[in-house]
């Protein structure tokens, strides 16, 4: 993964935080970064595309509460 790819992932996660007006924290960032990498690996290559998928699939703070550490699925 190149520096530009990491910048895309970082900006997408930042957009998720701004959209939900949630303060960044380590647990949420770890979860969202893993999700963003999976989306990138699935072919999503733009900040907007990854951010949109994160926003649509991980609503507010509850994904970090509902999922056990290390899981990527909503329950």
C-alpha atoms as a PDB file:
ATOM      1  CA  UNK A   1       0.000   0.000   0.000  1.00  0.00           C
ATOM      2  CA  UNK A   2       1.371   3.398  -0.942  1.00  0.00           C
ATOM      3  CA  UNK A   3       1.344   6.641   1.048  1.00  0.00           C
ATOM      4  CA  UNK A   4      -1.414   8.013  -1.189  1.00  0.00           C
ATOM      5  CA  UNK A   5      -3.534   4.945  -0.412  1.00  0.00           C
ATOM      6  CA  UNK A   6      -3.052   5.481   3.319  1.00  0.00           C
ATOM      7  CA  UNK A   7      -4.048   9.123   2.908  1.00  0.00           C
ATOM      8  CA  UNK A   8      -7.265   8.058   1.171  1.00  0.00           C
ATOM      9  CA  UNK A   9      -8.096   5.662   4.014  1.00  0.00           C
ATOM     10  CA  UNK A  10      -7.299   8.246   6.678  1.00  0.00           C
ATOM     11  CA  UNK A  11      -9.441  10.919   5.045  1.00  0.00           C
ATOM     12  CA  UNK A  12     -12.348   8.497   4.620  1.00  0.00           C
ATOM     13  CA  UNK A  13     -12.270   7.622   8.333  1.00  0.00           C
ATOM     14  CA  UNK A  14     -12.044  11.332   9.206  1.00  0.00           C
ATOM     15  CA  UNK A  15     -15.159  11.970   7.110  1.00  0.00           C
ATOM     16  CA  UNK A  16     -16.996   9.288   9.092  1.00  0.00           C
ATOM     17  CA  UNK A  17     -16.093  11.070  12.358  1.00  0.00           C
ATOM     18  CA  UNK A  18     -17.220  14.426  10.966  1.00  0.00           C
ATOM     19  CA  UNK A  19     -20.469  13.020   9.583  1.00  0.00           C
ATOM     20  CA  UNK A  20     -21.503  11.496  12.914  1.00  0.00           C
ATOM     21  CA  UNK A  21     -19.911  14.272  14.993  1.00  0.00           C
ATOM     22  CA  UNK A  22     -18.074  11.675  17.072  1.00  0.00           C
ATOM     23  CA  UNK A  23     -14.771  12.352  18.803  1.00  0.00           C
ATOM     24  CA  UNK A  24     -12.033  10.022  17.555  1.00  0.00           C
ATOM     25  CA  UNK A  25     -10.890   7.315  19.931  1.00  0.00           C
ATOM     26  CA  UNK A  26      -8.499   4.406  19.634  1.00  0.00           C
ATOM     27  CA  UNK A  27     -11.097   1.622  19.576  1.00  0.00           C
ATOM     28  CA  UNK A  28     -13.288   3.326  16.967  1.00  0.00           C
ATOM     29  CA  UNK A  29     -10.280   4.250  14.829  1.00  0.00           C
ATOM     30  CA  UNK A  30      -8.974   0.683  14.870  1.00  0.00           C
ATOM     31  CA  UNK A  31     -12.382  -0.657  13.877  1.00  0.00           C
ATOM     32  CA  UNK A  32     -12.954   1.931  11.143  1.00  0.00           C
ATOM     33  CA  UNK A  33      -9.440   1.614   9.749  1.00  0.00           C
ATOM     34  CA  UNK A  34      -9.847  -2.146   9.401  1.00  0.00           C
ATOM     35  CA  UNK A  35     -13.209  -1.632   7.696  1.00  0.00           C
ATOM     36  CA  UNK A  36     -11.706   0.993   5.363  1.00  0.00           C
ATOM     37  CA  UNK A  37      -8.861  -1.353   4.404  1.00  0.00           C
ATOM     38  CA  UNK A  38     -11.363  -4.106   3.597  1.00  0.00           C
ATOM     39  CA  UNK A  39     -13.326  -1.698   1.410  1.00  0.00           C
ATOM     40  CA  UNK A  40     -10.098  -0.634  -0.306  1.00  0.00           C
ATOM     41  CA  UNK A  41      -9.205  -4.283  -0.922  1.00  0.00           C
ATOM     42  CA  UNK A  42     -12.671  -4.779  -2.447  1.00  0.00           C
ATOM     43  CA  UNK A  43     -11.897  -2.101  -5.021  1.00  0.00           C
ATOM     44  CA  UNK A  44     -13.138   1.126  -3.447  1.00  0.00           C
ATOM     45  CA  UNK A  45     -10.362   3.606  -4.212  1.00  0.00           C
ATOM     46  CA  UNK A  46     -11.715   7.099  -3.506  1.00  0.00           C
ATOM     47  CA  UNK A  47     -12.122   8.979  -0.234  1.00  0.00           C
ATOM     48  CA  UNK A  48     -15.777   9.603  -1.066  1.00  0.00           C
ATOM     49  CA  UNK A  49     -16.468   5.983  -1.978  1.00  0.00           C
ATOM     50  CA  UNK A  50     -14.908   4.549   1.164  1.00  0.00           C
ATOM     51  CA  UNK A  51     -16.393   7.242   3.420  1.00  0.00           C
ATOM     52  CA  UNK A  52     -19.858   6.648   1.972  1.00  0.00           C
ATOM     53  CA  UNK A  53     -19.607   2.920   2.603  1.00  0.00           C
ATOM     54  CA  UNK A  54     -18.372   3.489   6.165  1.00  0.00           C
ATOM     55  CA  UNK A  55     -21.174   5.987   6.869  1.00  0.00           C
ATOM     56  CA  UNK A  56     -23.841   3.683   5.424  1.00  0.00           C
ATOM     57  CA  UNK A  57     -22.611   0.549   7.194  1.00  0.00           C
ATOM     58  CA  UNK A  58     -21.348   1.770  10.562  1.00  0.00           C
ATOM     59  CA  UNK A  59     -23.880   4.057  12.195  1.00  0.00           C
ATOM     60  CA  UNK A  60     -22.602   6.405  14.907  1.00  0.00           C
ATOM     61  CA  UNK A  61     -20.960   4.945  17.978  1.00  0.00           C
ATOM     62  CA  UNK A  62     -22.914   1.702  18.261  1.00  0.00           C
ATOM     63  CA  UNK A  63     -20.774  -0.428  15.903  1.00  0.00           C
ATOM     64  CA  UNK A  64     -17.890  -0.079  18.315  1.00  0.00           C
ATOM     65  CA  UNK A  65     -20.121  -1.211  21.173  1.00  0.00           C
ATOM     66  CA  UNK A  66     -21.929  -4.025  19.349  1.00  0.00           C
ATOM     67  CA  UNK A  67     -18.887  -5.725  17.852  1.00  0.00           C
ATOM     68  CA  UNK A  68     -16.300  -7.610  19.767  1.00  0.00           C
ATOM     69  CA  UNK A  69     -12.749  -6.400  19.179  1.00  0.00           C
ATOM     70  CA  UNK A  70     -11.409  -7.755  15.929  1.00  0.00           C
ATOM     71  CA  UNK A  71     -14.756  -8.460  14.272  1.00  0.00           C
ATOM     72  CA  UNK A  72     -15.902  -6.614  11.200  1.00  0.00           C
ATOM     73  CA  UNK A  73     -19.560  -7.582  11.066  1.00  0.00           C
ATOM     74  CA  UNK A  74     -22.561  -5.865  12.517  1.00  0.00           C
ATOM     75  CA  UNK A  75     -24.750  -7.946  14.786  1.00  0.00           C
END
